[in-house]
Every structure is written in C-alpha cells, then in structure tokens.
Amino acid sequence: MAIDRNDPIFTHSAAARQPELMLSAVLHLMSHYTANAADNGGCVKLASVIERHLKALSALPDLSPVLRATCQQLCEQWGAVVEQARPPQERASFLARLIGRPRPAPLPA
C-alpha cells in the first residue's frame, strides 16, 4: 500500500510527538478485529485501518528501529489480509474486450 501523506493519520502532530498513542490505538483496533473475526470473519475496513496505522508508525523517525521494523512487517501482513478479503475483480479476456468494444463510426465520404 502506498503512503498517502494527505491521510489525516500522517498529519496529526500529536501522533508524531507521542507515538505511543498511535501504537495504543492500533493495538486496540487489532484486538477488536480479532474478537470480531471469530463471529463473522473480520472486517476488511478495520483491517485496512490497522494497516494504515502500522504504515504511519513505521514511517515515524523517532520510533526505535526495532519497533519501526516490526510495524513495517505487520503492515505487510495486514496488507495481505486486506488483499485476500477483497472480492476478486473480473477480468475480461482479450477477445471479450474486443467484442464488447464499440466500433468506431465510419468516416464521412
């Protein structure tokens, strides 16, 4: 997942000054995801929010290198959870795209 620096999670200065608040929030979100996963298989939106929090934490320069690396690894794992939970997109075959494409209008004589 690419970092969207316009996302409010990256612009909130309190998170940069007190990364433990963001870490606390992501741990809270992860526990809710785990608790709800037993009931209905988890929520893709919640998994995506967890991934974004971990990505933001991994980008904080004041965080210890070990904690940043852990957040980066967990971010990648949560990204895989999000990708697996998304419904597969239908891809039309090359022939189907050619057949389904409207024909260009003939040029005037």
C-alpha atoms as a PDB file:
ATOM      1  CA  MET A   1       0.000   0.000   0.000  1.00  0.00           C
ATOM      2  CA  ALA A   2       1.388   3.381  -0.951  1.00  0.00           C
ATOM      3  CA  ILE A   3       1.678   6.059   1.700  1.00  0.00           C
ATOM      4  CA  ASP A   4      -0.952   8.745   1.280  1.00  0.00           C
ATOM      5  CA  ARG A   5       0.583  11.725   3.062  1.00  0.00           C
ATOM      6  CA  ASN A   6      -2.775  13.561   2.830  1.00  0.00           C
ATOM      7  CA  ASP A   7      -4.350  10.983   5.122  1.00  0.00           C
ATOM      8  CA  PRO A   8      -5.079  12.634   8.494  1.00  0.00           C
ATOM      9  CA  ILE A   9      -3.239   9.837  10.270  1.00  0.00           C
ATOM     10  CA  PHE A  10       0.034  11.215   8.878  1.00  0.00           C
ATOM     11  CA  THR A  11      -0.715  14.888   9.513  1.00  0.00           C
ATOM     12  CA  HIS A  12      -1.745  14.605  13.158  1.00  0.00           C
ATOM     13  CA  SER A  13       1.187  16.137  15.034  1.00  0.00           C
ATOM     14  CA  ALA A  14       0.231  14.521  18.365  1.00  0.00           C
ATOM     15  CA  ALA A  15       0.925  11.101  16.849  1.00  0.00           C
ATOM     16  CA  ALA A  16       4.401  12.233  15.844  1.00  0.00           C
ATOM     17  CA  ARG A  17       5.068  13.686  19.310  1.00  0.00           C
ATOM     18  CA  GLN A  18       3.557  10.735  21.181  1.00  0.00           C
ATOM     19  CA  PRO A  19       3.793   7.608  19.031  1.00  0.00           C
ATOM     20  CA  GLU A  20       2.654   5.505  21.968  1.00  0.00           C
ATOM     21  CA  LEU A  21      -0.854   6.930  21.441  1.00  0.00           C
ATOM     22  CA  MET A  22      -0.936   5.615  17.883  1.00  0.00           C
ATOM     23  CA  LEU A  23       0.573   2.322  18.982  1.00  0.00           C
ATOM     24  CA  SER A  24      -2.086   2.052  21.682  1.00  0.00           C
ATOM     25  CA  ALA A  25      -4.794   2.781  19.104  1.00  0.00           C
ATOM     26  CA  VAL A  26      -3.554   0.157  16.655  1.00  0.00           C
ATOM     27  CA  LEU A  27      -3.333  -2.465  19.387  1.00  0.00           C
ATOM     28  CA  HIS A  28      -6.903  -1.630  20.377  1.00  0.00           C
ATOM     29  CA  LEU A  29      -8.031  -1.938  16.731  1.00  0.00           C
ATOM     30  CA  MET A  30      -6.229  -5.261  16.355  1.00  0.00           C
ATOM     31  CA  SER A  31      -7.939  -6.674  19.421  1.00  0.00           C
ATOM     32  CA  HIS A  32     -11.352  -5.645  18.055  1.00  0.00           C
ATOM     33  CA  TYR A  33     -10.535  -7.243  14.711  1.00  0.00           C
ATOM     34  CA  THR A  34      -9.533 -10.484  16.427  1.00  0.00           C
ATOM     35  CA  ALA A  35     -12.615 -10.506  18.650  1.00  0.00           C
ATOM     36  CA  ASN A  36     -14.929  -9.913  15.685  1.00  0.00           C
ATOM     37  CA  ALA A  37     -13.122 -12.325  13.357  1.00  0.00           C
ATOM     38  CA  ALA A  38     -14.474 -15.307  15.276  1.00  0.00           C
ATOM     39  CA  ASP A  39     -18.045 -14.138  14.651  1.00  0.00           C
ATOM     40  CA  ASN A  40     -18.017 -13.044  11.019  1.00  0.00           C
ATOM     41  CA  GLY A  41     -14.537 -13.478   9.564  1.00  0.00           C
ATOM     42  CA  GLY A  42     -13.285  -9.962  10.314  1.00  0.00           C
ATOM     43  CA  CYS A  43     -13.919  -6.616   8.717  1.00  0.00           C
ATOM     44  CA  VAL A  44     -11.923  -5.538   5.677  1.00  0.00           C
ATOM     45  CA  LYS A  45     -12.348  -1.865   6.550  1.00  0.00           C
ATOM     46  CA  LEU A  46     -10.963  -2.415  10.055  1.00  0.00           C
ATOM     47  CA  ALA A  47      -8.041  -4.410   8.654  1.00  0.00           C
ATOM     48  CA  SER A  48      -7.325  -1.551   6.251  1.00  0.00           C
ATOM     49  CA  VAL A  49      -7.316   0.983   9.116  1.00  0.00           C
ATOM     50  CA  ILE A  50      -4.924  -1.243  11.076  1.00  0.00           C
ATOM     51  CA  GLU A  51      -2.655  -1.435   8.037  1.00  0.00           C
ATOM     52  CA  ARG A  52      -2.642   2.371   7.687  1.00  0.00           C
ATOM     53  CA  HIS A  53      -1.820   2.870  11.372  1.00  0.00           C
ATOM     54  CA  LEU A  54       1.067   0.417  11.137  1.00  0.00           C
ATOM     55  CA  LYS A  55       2.332   2.119   7.977  1.00  0.00           C
ATOM     56  CA  ALA A  56       2.246   5.511   9.717  1.00  0.00           C
ATOM     57  CA  LEU A  57       4.069   4.111  12.748  1.00  0.00           C
ATOM     58  CA  SER A  58       6.743   2.544  10.570  1.00  0.00           C
ATOM     59  CA  ALA A  59       7.395   5.952   8.999  1.00  0.00           C
ATOM     60  CA  LEU A  60       7.946   7.812  12.288  1.00  0.00           C
ATOM     61  CA  PRO A  61      11.643   8.730  12.546  1.00  0.00           C
ATOM     62  CA  ASP A  62      11.635   8.997  16.359  1.00  0.00           C
ATOM     63  CA  LEU A  63      10.452   5.419  16.833  1.00  0.00           C
ATOM     64  CA  SER A  64      13.116   2.866  17.697  1.00  0.00           C
ATOM     65  CA  PRO A  65      14.418   0.916  14.695  1.00  0.00           C
ATOM     66  CA  VAL A  66      13.167  -2.389  16.117  1.00  0.00           C
ATOM     67  CA  LEU A  67       9.645  -1.041  16.623  1.00  0.00           C
ATOM     68  CA  ARG A  68       9.624   0.576  13.153  1.00  0.00           C
ATOM     69  CA  ALA A  69      10.719  -2.708  11.558  1.00  0.00           C
ATOM     70  CA  THR A  70       8.058  -4.625  13.492  1.00  0.00           C
ATOM     71  CA  CYS A  71       5.376  -2.155  12.383  1.00  0.00           C
ATOM     72  CA  GLN A  72       6.559  -2.456   8.769  1.00  0.00           C
ATOM     73  CA  GLN A  73       6.399  -6.260   8.879  1.00  0.00           C
ATOM     74  CA  LEU A  74       2.963  -6.221  10.488  1.00  0.00           C
ATOM     75  CA  CYS A  75       1.805  -3.632   7.942  1.00  0.00           C
ATOM     76  CA  GLU A  76       2.741  -6.019   5.137  1.00  0.00           C
ATOM     77  CA  GLN A  77       0.927  -8.889   6.835  1.00  0.00           C
ATOM     78  CA  TRP A  78      -2.231  -6.808   7.365  1.00  0.00           C
ATOM     79  CA  GLY A  79      -1.981  -5.666   3.742  1.00  0.00           C
ATOM     80  CA  ALA A  80      -2.142  -9.326   2.722  1.00  0.00           C
ATOM     81  CA  VAL A  81      -5.230  -9.781   4.919  1.00  0.00           C
ATOM     82  CA  VAL A  82      -6.889  -6.830   3.166  1.00  0.00           C
ATOM     83  CA  GLU A  83      -5.979  -8.133  -0.295  1.00  0.00           C
ATOM     84  CA  GLN A  84      -7.297 -11.632   0.460  1.00  0.00           C
ATOM     85  CA  ALA A  85     -10.573 -10.284   1.813  1.00  0.00           C
ATOM     86  CA  ARG A  86     -11.326  -8.130  -1.215  1.00  0.00           C
ATOM     87  CA  PRO A  87     -13.641  -9.707  -3.763  1.00  0.00           C
ATOM     88  CA  PRO A  88     -11.836 -10.769  -6.937  1.00  0.00           C
ATOM     89  CA  GLN A  89     -12.236  -8.385  -9.823  1.00  0.00           C
ATOM     90  CA  GLU A  90     -13.469  -9.839 -13.045  1.00  0.00           C
ATOM     91  CA  ARG A  91     -11.009  -9.545 -15.862  1.00  0.00           C
ATOM     92  CA  ALA A  92     -12.404  -9.808 -19.319  1.00  0.00           C
ATOM     93  CA  SER A  93     -10.418 -11.836 -21.776  1.00  0.00           C
ATOM     94  CA  PHE A  94      -8.779 -10.085 -24.683  1.00  0.00           C
ATOM     95  CA  LEU A  95     -11.381 -11.454 -27.095  1.00  0.00           C
ATOM     96  CA  ALA A  96     -14.281 -10.368 -24.837  1.00  0.00           C
ATOM     97  CA  ARG A  97     -12.853  -6.843 -24.664  1.00  0.00           C
ATOM     98  CA  LEU A  98     -12.536  -6.704 -28.453  1.00  0.00           C
ATOM     99  CA  ILE A  99     -16.069  -7.958 -28.994  1.00  0.00           C
ATOM    100  CA  GLY A 100     -17.543  -5.691 -26.318  1.00  0.00           C
ATOM    101  CA  ARG A 101     -15.800  -2.557 -27.566  1.00  0.00           C
ATOM    102  CA  PRO A 102     -17.983  -0.216 -29.618  1.00  0.00           C
ATOM    103  CA  ARG A 103     -16.927   0.103 -33.224  1.00  0.00           C
ATOM    104  CA  PRO A 104     -15.663   3.462 -34.404  1.00  0.00           C
ATOM    105  CA  ALA A 105     -18.046   5.448 -36.582  1.00  0.00           C
ATOM    106  CA  PRO A 106     -17.201   5.374 -40.292  1.00  0.00           C
ATOM    107  CA  LEU A 107     -15.543   8.451 -41.673  1.00  0.00           C
ATOM    108  CA  PRO A 108     -17.739  10.678 -43.852  1.00  0.00           C
ATOM    109  CA  ALA A 109     -17.107  10.329 -47.570  1.00  0.00           C
END
